[in-house]
Amino acid sequence: VESGGGLVQAGDSLRLSCAASGRTFSNYVMAWFR
């Protein structure tokens, strides 16, 4: 589940988060695509 998106102006910052279920999250390679 992603969160943190929005409308910003050029030059601004945003931080996206992605919460994962499961007990073995630490075993996975993770990535962001757009």
Full PDB file with SEQRES, HELIX, SHEET, SSBOND, CRYST1, ORIGX, SCALE, CONECT and MASTER records, all heavy atoms in Angstrom:
SEQRES   1 A   34  VAL GLU SER GLY GLY GLY LEU VAL GLN ALA GLY ASP SER          
SEQRES   2 A   34  LEU ARG LEU SER CYS ALA ALA SER GLY ARG THR PHE SER          
SEQRES   3 A   34  ASN TYR VAL MET ALA TRP PHE ARG                              
HELIX    1 AA1 PHE A   25  ASN A   27  5                                   3    
SHEET    1 AA1 2 GLU A   2  SER A   3  0                                        
SHEET    2 AA1 2 SER A  17  CYS A  18 -1                                        
CRYST1    1.000    1.000    1.000  90.00  90.00  90.00 P 1           1          
ORIGX1      1.000000  0.000000  0.000000        0.00000                         
ORIGX2      0.000000  1.000000  0.000000        0.00000                         
ORIGX3      0.000000  0.000000  1.000000        0.00000                         
SCALE1      1.000000  0.000000  0.000000        0.00000                         
SCALE2      0.000000  1.000000  0.000000        0.00000                         
SCALE3      0.000000  0.000000  1.000000        0.00000                         
ATOM      1  N   VAL A   1       0.850  -1.187   0.000  1.00  0.00           N  
ATOM      2  CA  VAL A   1       0.000   0.000   0.000  1.00  0.00           C  
ATOM      3  C   VAL A   1       0.883   1.234   0.000  1.00  0.00           C  
ATOM      4  O   VAL A   1       1.617   1.485   0.969  1.00  0.00           O  
ATOM      5  CB  VAL A   1      -0.938   0.016   1.216  1.00  0.00           C  
ATOM      6  CG1 VAL A   1      -1.795   1.276   1.201  1.00  0.00           C  
ATOM      7  CG2 VAL A   1      -1.812  -1.232   1.242  1.00  0.00           C  
ATOM      8  N   GLU A   2       0.787   2.028  -1.075  1.00  0.00           N  
ATOM      9  CA  GLU A   2       1.569   3.257  -1.176  1.00  0.00           C  
ATOM     10  C   GLU A   2       0.799   4.432  -0.585  1.00  0.00           C  
ATOM     11  O   GLU A   2      -0.433   4.433  -0.559  1.00  0.00           O  
ATOM     12  CB  GLU A   2       1.891   3.590  -2.637  1.00  0.00           C  
ATOM     13  CG  GLU A   2       2.660   2.552  -3.400  1.00  0.00           C  
ATOM     14  CD  GLU A   2       1.771   1.717  -4.281  1.00  0.00           C  
ATOM     15  OE1 GLU A   2       0.572   1.613  -3.971  1.00  0.00           O  
ATOM     16  OE2 GLU A   2       2.265   1.167  -5.277  1.00  0.00           O  
ATOM     17  N   SER A   3       1.534   5.441  -0.167  1.00  0.00           N  
ATOM     18  CA  SER A   3       0.945   6.693   0.305  1.00  0.00           C  
ATOM     19  C   SER A   3       1.963   7.804   0.136  1.00  0.00           C  
ATOM     20  O   SER A   3       3.144   7.540  -0.099  1.00  0.00           O  
ATOM     21  CB  SER A   3       0.510   6.576   1.767  1.00  0.00           C  
ATOM     22  OG  SER A   3       1.628   6.316   2.595  1.00  0.00           O  
ATOM     23  N   GLY A   4       1.483   9.051   0.247  1.00  0.00           N  
ATOM     24  CA  GLY A   4       2.389  10.184   0.227  1.00  0.00           C  
ATOM     25  C   GLY A   4       2.398  11.007  -1.047  1.00  0.00           C  
ATOM     26  O   GLY A   4       3.091  12.023  -1.113  1.00  0.00           O  
ATOM     27  N   GLY A   5       1.650  10.580  -2.036  1.00  0.00           N  
ATOM     28  CA  GLY A   5       1.605  11.355  -3.268  1.00  0.00           C  
ATOM     29  C   GLY A   5       0.838  12.658  -3.083  1.00  0.00           C  
ATOM     30  O   GLY A   5       0.226  12.902  -2.040  1.00  0.00           O  
ATOM     31  N   GLY A   6       0.889  13.508  -4.112  1.00  0.00           N  
ATOM     32  CA  GLY A   6       0.168  14.762  -4.039  1.00  0.00           C  
ATOM     33  C   GLY A   6       0.557  15.701  -5.148  1.00  0.00           C  
ATOM     34  O   GLY A   6       1.276  15.329  -6.079  1.00  0.00           O  
ATOM     35  N   LEU A   7       0.075  16.942  -5.017  1.00  0.00           N  
ATOM     36  CA  LEU A   7       0.357  18.004  -5.985  1.00  0.00           C  
ATOM     37  C   LEU A   7       1.356  18.967  -5.366  1.00  0.00           C  
ATOM     38  O   LEU A   7       1.107  19.505  -4.285  1.00  0.00           O  
ATOM     39  CB  LEU A   7      -0.945  18.732  -6.339  1.00  0.00           C  
ATOM     40  CG  LEU A   7      -0.807  20.003  -7.181  1.00  0.00           C  
ATOM     41  CD1 LEU A   7      -0.224  19.682  -8.544  1.00  0.00           C  
ATOM     42  CD2 LEU A   7      -2.168  20.687  -7.318  1.00  0.00           C  
ATOM     43  N   VAL A   8       2.479  19.153  -6.045  1.00  0.00           N  
ATOM     44  CA  VAL A   8       3.515  20.056  -5.551  1.00  0.00           C  
ATOM     45  C   VAL A   8       4.007  20.920  -6.701  1.00  0.00           C  
ATOM     46  O   VAL A   8       3.688  20.669  -7.865  1.00  0.00           O  
ATOM     47  CB  VAL A   8       4.698  19.285  -4.936  1.00  0.00           C  
ATOM     48  CG1 VAL A   8       4.254  18.500  -3.709  1.00  0.00           C  
ATOM     49  CG2 VAL A   8       5.357  18.385  -5.955  1.00  0.00           C  
ATOM     50  N   GLN A   9       4.811  21.912  -6.362  1.00  0.00           N  
ATOM     51  CA  GLN A   9       5.419  22.768  -7.372  1.00  0.00           C  
ATOM     52  C   GLN A   9       6.826  22.283  -7.698  1.00  0.00           C  
ATOM     53  O   GLN A   9       7.464  21.586  -6.899  1.00  0.00           O  
ATOM     54  CB  GLN A   9       5.467  24.207  -6.883  1.00  0.00           C  
ATOM     55  CG  GLN A   9       4.097  24.852  -6.726  1.00  0.00           C  
ATOM     56  CD  GLN A   9       4.183  26.326  -6.396  1.00  0.00           C  
ATOM     57  OE1 GLN A   9       5.157  26.772  -5.803  1.00  0.00           O  
ATOM     58  NE2 GLN A   9       3.160  27.080  -6.771  1.00  0.00           N  
ATOM     59  N   ALA A  10       7.298  22.662  -8.862  1.00  0.00           N  
ATOM     60  CA  ALA A  10       8.660  22.307  -9.256  1.00  0.00           C  
ATOM     61  C   ALA A  10       9.644  22.794  -8.202  1.00  0.00           C  
ATOM     62  O   ALA A  10       9.527  23.919  -7.693  1.00  0.00           O  
ATOM     63  CB  ALA A  10       8.984  22.915 -10.613  1.00  0.00           C  
ATOM     64  N   GLY A  11      10.588  21.926  -7.855  1.00  0.00           N  
ATOM     65  CA  GLY A  11      11.573  22.244  -6.843  1.00  0.00           C  
ATOM     66  C   GLY A  11      11.223  21.755  -5.453  1.00  0.00           C  
ATOM     67  O   GLY A  11      12.089  21.728  -4.569  1.00  0.00           O  
ATOM     68  N   ASP A  12       9.973  21.379  -5.264  1.00  0.00           N  
ATOM     69  CA  ASP A  12       9.527  20.884  -3.961  1.00  0.00           C  
ATOM     70  C   ASP A  12       9.964  19.438  -3.743  1.00  0.00           C  
ATOM     71  O   ASP A  12      10.538  18.796  -4.635  1.00  0.00           O  
ATOM     72  CB  ASP A  12       8.002  20.979  -3.854  1.00  0.00           C  
ATOM     73  CG  ASP A  12       7.519  22.398  -3.637  1.00  0.00           C  
ATOM     74  OD1 ASP A  12       8.370  23.288  -3.398  1.00  0.00           O  
ATOM     75  OD2 ASP A  12       6.297  22.623  -3.717  1.00  0.00           O  
ATOM     76  N   SER A  13       9.659  18.946  -2.546  1.00  0.00           N  
ATOM     77  CA  SER A  13       9.988  17.565  -2.173  1.00  0.00           C  
ATOM     78  C   SER A  13       8.733  16.816  -1.749  1.00  0.00           C  
ATOM     79  O   SER A  13       7.758  17.424  -1.292  1.00  0.00           O  
ATOM     80  CB  SER A  13      10.994  17.550  -1.015  1.00  0.00           C  
ATOM     81  OG  SER A  13      12.201  18.159  -1.374  1.00  0.00           O  
ATOM     82  N   LEU A  14       8.789  15.503  -1.894  1.00  0.00           N  
ATOM     83  CA  LEU A  14       7.751  14.606  -1.414  1.00  0.00           C  
ATOM     84  C   LEU A  14       8.423  13.326  -0.944  1.00  0.00           C  
ATOM     85  O   LEU A  14       9.471  12.954  -1.468  1.00  0.00           O  
ATOM     86  CB  LEU A  14       6.755  14.231  -2.519  1.00  0.00           C  
ATOM     87  CG  LEU A  14       5.544  15.106  -2.797  1.00  0.00           C  
ATOM     88  CD1 LEU A  14       4.763  14.533  -3.971  1.00  0.00           C  
ATOM     89  CD2 LEU A  14       4.656  15.247  -1.582  1.00  0.00           C  
ATOM     90  N   ARG A  15       7.795  12.665   0.042  1.00  0.00           N  
ATOM     91  CA  ARG A  15       8.267  11.343   0.436  1.00  0.00           C  
ATOM     92  C   ARG A  15       7.139  10.353   0.301  1.00  0.00           C  
ATOM     93  O   ARG A  15       6.090  10.505   0.939  1.00  0.00           O  
ATOM     94  CB  ARG A  15       8.801  11.325   1.867  1.00  0.00           C  
ATOM     95  CG  ARG A  15       9.486   9.999   2.199  1.00  0.00           C  
ATOM     96  CD  ARG A  15      10.131   9.967   3.554  1.00  0.00           C  
ATOM     97  NE  ARG A  15       9.189   9.672   4.624  1.00  0.00           N  
ATOM     98  CZ  ARG A  15       9.517   9.114   5.786  1.00  0.00           C  
ATOM     99  NH1 ARG A  15      10.784   8.777   6.015  1.00  0.00           N  
ATOM    100  NH2 ARG A  15       8.608   8.910   6.721  1.00  0.00           N  
ATOM    101  N   LEU A  16       7.355   9.356  -0.523  1.00  0.00           N  
ATOM    102  CA  LEU A  16       6.398   8.274  -0.693  1.00  0.00           C  
ATOM    103  C   LEU A  16       6.738   7.148   0.275  1.00  0.00           C  
ATOM    104  O   LEU A  16       7.916   6.896   0.555  1.00  0.00           O  
ATOM    105  CB  LEU A  16       6.421   7.744  -2.117  1.00  0.00           C  
ATOM    106  CG  LEU A  16       6.212   8.766  -3.236  1.00  0.00           C  
ATOM    107  CD1 LEU A  16       6.187   8.051  -4.588  1.00  0.00           C  
ATOM    108  CD2 LEU A  16       4.945   9.570  -3.025  1.00  0.00           C  
ATOM    109  N   SER A  17       5.692   6.489   0.756  1.00  0.00           N  
ATOM    110  CA  SER A  17       5.862   5.322   1.615  1.00  0.00           C  
ATOM    111  C   SER A  17       5.130   4.147   1.000  1.00  0.00           C  
ATOM    112  O   SER A  17       4.120   4.314   0.313  1.00  0.00           O  
ATOM    113  CB  SER A  17       5.297   5.586   3.008  1.00  0.00           C  
ATOM    114  OG  SER A  17       5.960   6.659   3.634  1.00  0.00           O  
ATOM    115  N   CYS A  18       5.637   2.954   1.286  1.00  0.00           N  
ATOM    116  CA  CYS A  18       4.993   1.732   0.817  1.00  0.00           C  
ATOM    117  C   CYS A  18       5.037   0.733   1.962  1.00  0.00           C  
ATOM    118  O   CYS A  18       6.117   0.259   2.335  1.00  0.00           O  
ATOM    119  CB  CYS A  18       5.703   1.188  -0.410  1.00  0.00           C  
ATOM    120  SG  CYS A  18       5.105  -0.423  -0.953  1.00  0.00           S  
ATOM    121  N   ALA A  19       3.874   0.439   2.517  1.00  0.00           N  
ATOM    122  CA  ALA A  19       3.773  -0.506   3.628  1.00  0.00           C  
ATOM    123  C   ALA A  19       3.469  -1.891   3.086  1.00  0.00           C  
ATOM    124  O   ALA A  19       2.561  -2.061   2.254  1.00  0.00           O  
ATOM    125  CB  ALA A  19       2.679  -0.066   4.585  1.00  0.00           C  
ATOM    126  N   ALA A  20       4.228  -2.874   3.568  1.00  0.00           N  
ATOM    127  CA  ALA A  20       4.094  -4.244   3.074  1.00  0.00           C  
ATOM    128  C   ALA A  20       3.590  -5.169   4.173  1.00  0.00           C  
ATOM    129  O   ALA A  20       3.915  -4.994   5.354  1.00  0.00           O  
ATOM    130  CB  ALA A  20       5.442  -4.745   2.568  1.00  0.00           C  
ATOM    131  N   SER A  21       2.809  -6.148   3.759  1.00  0.00           N  
ATOM    132  CA  SER A  21       2.383  -7.181   4.693  1.00  0.00           C  
ATOM    133  C   SER A  21       3.376  -8.343   4.643  1.00  0.00           C  
ATOM    134  O   SER A  21       4.223  -8.398   3.763  1.00  0.00           O  
ATOM    135  CB  SER A  21       0.998  -7.694   4.313  1.00  0.00           C  
ATOM    136  OG  SER A  21       1.060  -8.340   3.056  1.00  0.00           O  
ATOM    137  N   GLY A  22       3.263  -9.243   5.587  1.00  0.00           N  
ATOM    138  CA  GLY A  22       4.117 -10.421   5.539  1.00  0.00           C  
ATOM    139  C   GLY A  22       5.296 -10.330   6.474  1.00  0.00           C  
ATOM    140  O   GLY A  22       5.822  -9.239   6.736  1.00  0.00           O  
ATOM    141  N   ARG A  23       5.725 -11.473   6.959  1.00  0.00           N  
ATOM    142  CA  ARG A  23       6.787 -11.508   7.954  1.00  0.00           C  
ATOM    143  C   ARG A  23       8.174 -11.563   7.340  1.00  0.00           C  
ATOM    144  O   ARG A  23       9.157 -11.426   8.046  1.00  0.00           O  
ATOM    145  CB  ARG A  23       6.605 -12.733   8.856  1.00  0.00           C  
ATOM    146  CG  ARG A  23       5.356 -12.681   9.720  1.00  0.00           C  
ATOM    147  CD  ARG A  23       5.192 -13.960  10.494  1.00  0.00           C  
ATOM    148  NE  ARG A  23       4.933 -15.095   9.605  1.00  0.00           N  
ATOM    149  CZ  ARG A  23       4.857 -16.350  10.021  1.00  0.00           C  
ATOM    150  NH1 ARG A  23       5.049 -16.637  11.287  1.00  0.00           N  
ATOM    151  NH2 ARG A  23       4.595 -17.312   9.159  1.00  0.00           N  
ATOM    152  N   THR A  24       8.268 -11.756   6.026  1.00  0.00           N  
ATOM    153  CA  THR A  24       9.586 -11.925   5.412  1.00  0.00           C  
ATOM    154  C   THR A  24       9.956 -10.745   4.532  1.00  0.00           C  
ATOM    155  O   THR A  24      10.732 -10.889   3.594  1.00  0.00           O  
ATOM    156  CB  THR A  24       9.625 -13.226   4.600  1.00  0.00           C  
ATOM    157  OG1 THR A  24       8.569 -13.205   3.632  1.00  0.00           O  
ATOM    158  CG2 THR A  24       9.498 -14.422   5.498  1.00  0.00           C  
ATOM    159  N   PHE A  25       9.410  -9.573   4.835  1.00  0.00           N  
ATOM    160  CA  PHE A  25       9.700  -8.362   4.061  1.00  0.00           C  
ATOM    161  C   PHE A  25      11.192  -8.149   3.938  1.00  0.00           C  
ATOM    162  O   PHE A  25      11.679  -7.715   2.896  1.00  0.00           O  
ATOM    163  CB  PHE A  25       9.041  -7.167   4.747  1.00  0.00           C  
ATOM    164  CG  PHE A  25       9.411  -5.840   4.151  1.00  0.00           C  
ATOM    165  CD1 PHE A  25       8.798  -5.380   3.002  1.00  0.00           C  
ATOM    166  CD2 PHE A  25      10.372  -5.030   4.755  1.00  0.00           C  
ATOM    167  CE1 PHE A  25       9.127  -4.149   2.447  1.00  0.00           C  
ATOM    168  CE2 PHE A  25      10.712  -3.801   4.221  1.00  0.00           C  
ATOM    169  CZ  PHE A  25      10.085  -3.359   3.066  1.00  0.00           C  
ATOM    170  N   SER A  26      11.932  -8.435   4.994  1.00  0.00           N  
ATOM    171  CA  SER A  26      13.368  -8.175   4.999  1.00  0.00           C  
ATOM    172  C   SER A  26      14.133  -9.058   4.017  1.00  0.00           C  
ATOM    173  O   SER A  26      15.320  -8.853   3.809  1.00  0.00           O  
ATOM    174  CB  SER A  26      13.934  -8.350   6.410  1.00  0.00           C  
ATOM    175  OG  SER A  26      13.700  -9.671   6.874  1.00  0.00           O  
ATOM    176  N   ASN A  27      13.467 -10.044   3.412  1.00  0.00           N  
ATOM    177  CA  ASN A  27      14.121 -10.917   2.442  1.00  0.00           C  
ATOM    178  C   ASN A  27      13.957 -10.442   1.003  1.00  0.00           C  
ATOM    179  O   ASN A  27      14.542 -11.029   0.098  1.00  0.00           O  
ATOM    180  CB  ASN A  27      13.544 -12.336   2.518  1.00  0.00           C  
ATOM    181  CG  ASN A  27      13.761 -12.984   3.859  1.00  0.00           C  
ATOM    182  OD1 ASN A  27      14.549 -12.500   4.670  1.00  0.00           O  
ATOM    183  ND2 ASN A  27      13.063 -14.067   4.118  1.00  0.00           N  
ATOM    184  N   TYR A  28      13.149  -9.397   0.785  1.00  0.00           N  
ATOM    185  CA  TYR A  28      12.776  -9.030  -0.579  1.00  0.00           C  
ATOM    186  C   TYR A  28      13.543  -7.818  -1.078  1.00  0.00           C  
ATOM    187  O   TYR A  28      13.716  -6.826  -0.370  1.00  0.00           O  
ATOM    188  CB  TYR A  28      11.292  -8.652  -0.664  1.00  0.00           C  
ATOM    189  CG  TYR A  28      10.319  -9.626  -0.080  1.00  0.00           C  
ATOM    190  CD1 TYR A  28       9.133  -9.170   0.461  1.00  0.00           C  
ATOM    191  CD2 TYR A  28      10.559 -10.991  -0.066  1.00  0.00           C  
ATOM    192  CE1 TYR A  28       8.213 -10.046   1.004  1.00  0.00           C  
ATOM    193  CE2 TYR A  28       9.647 -11.874   0.481  1.00  0.00           C  
ATOM    194  CZ  TYR A  28       8.473 -11.391   1.009  1.00  0.00           C  
ATOM    195  OH  TYR A  28       7.562 -12.254   1.552  1.00  0.00           O  
ATOM    196  N   VAL A  29      13.932  -7.877  -2.351  1.00  0.00           N  
ATOM    197  CA  VAL A  29      14.324  -6.668  -3.058  1.00  0.00           C  
ATOM    198  C   VAL A  29      13.044  -5.871  -3.330  1.00  0.00           C  
ATOM    199  O   VAL A  29      12.015  -6.429  -3.709  1.00  0.00           O  
ATOM    200  CB  VAL A  29      15.034  -7.018  -4.377  1.00  0.00           C  
ATOM    201  CG1 VAL A  29      15.268  -5.766  -5.219  1.00  0.00           C  
ATOM    202  CG2 VAL A  29      16.351  -7.732  -4.092  1.00  0.00           C  
ATOM    203  N   MET A  30      13.112  -4.571  -3.107  1.00  0.00           N  
ATOM    204  CA  MET A  30      11.971  -3.690  -3.338  1.00  0.00           C  
ATOM    205  C   MET A  30      12.332  -2.644  -4.380  1.00  0.00           C  
ATOM    206  O   MET A  30      13.517  -2.314  -4.557  1.00  0.00           O  
ATOM    207  CB  MET A  30      11.559  -2.994  -2.041  1.00  0.00           C  
ATOM    208  CG  MET A  30      11.121  -3.924  -0.926  1.00  0.00           C  
ATOM    209  SD  MET A  30       9.556  -4.739  -1.287  1.00  0.00           S  
ATOM    210  CE  MET A  30       8.438  -3.341  -1.341  1.00  0.00           C  
ATOM    211  N   ALA A  31      11.326  -2.099  -5.022  1.00  0.00           N  
ATOM    212  CA  ALA A  31      11.588  -1.106  -6.056  1.00  0.00           C  
ATOM    213  C   ALA A  31      10.424  -0.143  -6.186  1.00  0.00           C  
ATOM    214  O   ALA A  31       9.317  -0.408  -5.711  1.00  0.00           O  
ATOM    215  CB  ALA A  31      11.838  -1.792  -7.394  1.00  0.00           C  
ATOM    216  N   TRP A  32      10.708   0.962  -6.824  1.00  0.00           N  
ATOM    217  CA  TRP A  32       9.694   1.932  -7.234  1.00  0.00           C  
ATOM    218  C   TRP A  32       9.727   2.045  -8.757  1.00  0.00           C  
ATOM    219  O   TRP A  32      10.814   2.119  -9.349  1.00  0.00           O  
ATOM    220  CB  TRP A  32       9.946   3.300  -6.619  1.00  0.00           C  
ATOM    221  CG  TRP A  32       9.666   3.373  -5.160  1.00  0.00           C  
ATOM    222  CD1 TRP A  32      10.552   3.208  -4.133  1.00  0.00           C  
ATOM    223  CD2 TRP A  32       8.406   3.659  -4.541  1.00  0.00           C  
ATOM    224  NE1 TRP A  32       9.930   3.348  -2.917  1.00  0.00           N  
ATOM    225  CE2 TRP A  32       8.605   3.634  -3.143  1.00  0.00           C  
ATOM    226  CE3 TRP A  32       7.123   3.929  -5.020  1.00  0.00           C  
ATOM    227  CZ2 TRP A  32       7.572   3.870  -2.230  1.00  0.00           C  
ATOM    228  CZ3 TRP A  32       6.100   4.165  -4.122  1.00  0.00           C  
ATOM    229  CH2 TRP A  32       6.322   4.131  -2.736  1.00  0.00           C  
ATOM    230  N   PHE A  33       8.548   2.064  -9.350  1.00  0.00           N  
ATOM    231  CA  PHE A  33       8.368   2.322 -10.775  1.00  0.00           C  
ATOM    232  C   PHE A  33       7.384   3.483 -10.892  1.00  0.00           C  
ATOM    233  O   PHE A  33       6.717   3.848  -9.930  1.00  0.00           O  
ATOM    234  CB  PHE A  33       7.793   1.084 -11.483  1.00  0.00           C  
ATOM    235  CG  PHE A  33       8.771  -0.049 -11.630  1.00  0.00           C  
ATOM    236  CD1 PHE A  33       9.089  -0.869 -10.552  1.00  0.00           C  
ATOM    237  CD2 PHE A  33       9.381  -0.311 -12.848  1.00  0.00           C  
ATOM    238  CE1 PHE A  33       9.991  -1.919 -10.681  1.00  0.00           C  
ATOM    239  CE2 PHE A  33      10.274  -1.366 -12.999  1.00  0.00           C  
ATOM    240  CZ  PHE A  33      10.579  -2.159 -11.908  1.00  0.00           C  
ATOM    241  N   ARG A  34       7.283   4.043 -12.083  1.00  0.00           N  
ATOM    242  CA  ARG A  34       6.307   5.106 -12.311  1.00  0.00           C  
ATOM    243  C   ARG A  34       5.768   5.021 -13.727  1.00  0.00           C  
ATOM    244  O   ARG A  34       6.426   4.493 -14.632  1.00  0.00           O  
ATOM    245  CB  ARG A  34       6.912   6.483 -12.055  1.00  0.00           C  
ATOM    246  CG  ARG A  34       7.994   6.891 -13.043  1.00  0.00           C  
ATOM    247  CD  ARG A  34       8.620   8.215 -12.611  1.00  0.00           C  
ATOM    248  NE  ARG A  34       9.634   8.676 -13.562  1.00  0.00           N  
ATOM    249  CZ  ARG A  34      10.408   9.737 -13.371  1.00  0.00           C  
ATOM    250  NH1 ARG A  34      10.280  10.469 -12.260  1.00  0.00           N  
ATOM    251  NH2 ARG A  34      11.295  10.079 -14.284  1.00  0.00           N  
TER     252      ARG A  34                                                      
MASTER        0    0    0    1    2    0    0    6  251    1    0    3          
END                                                                             
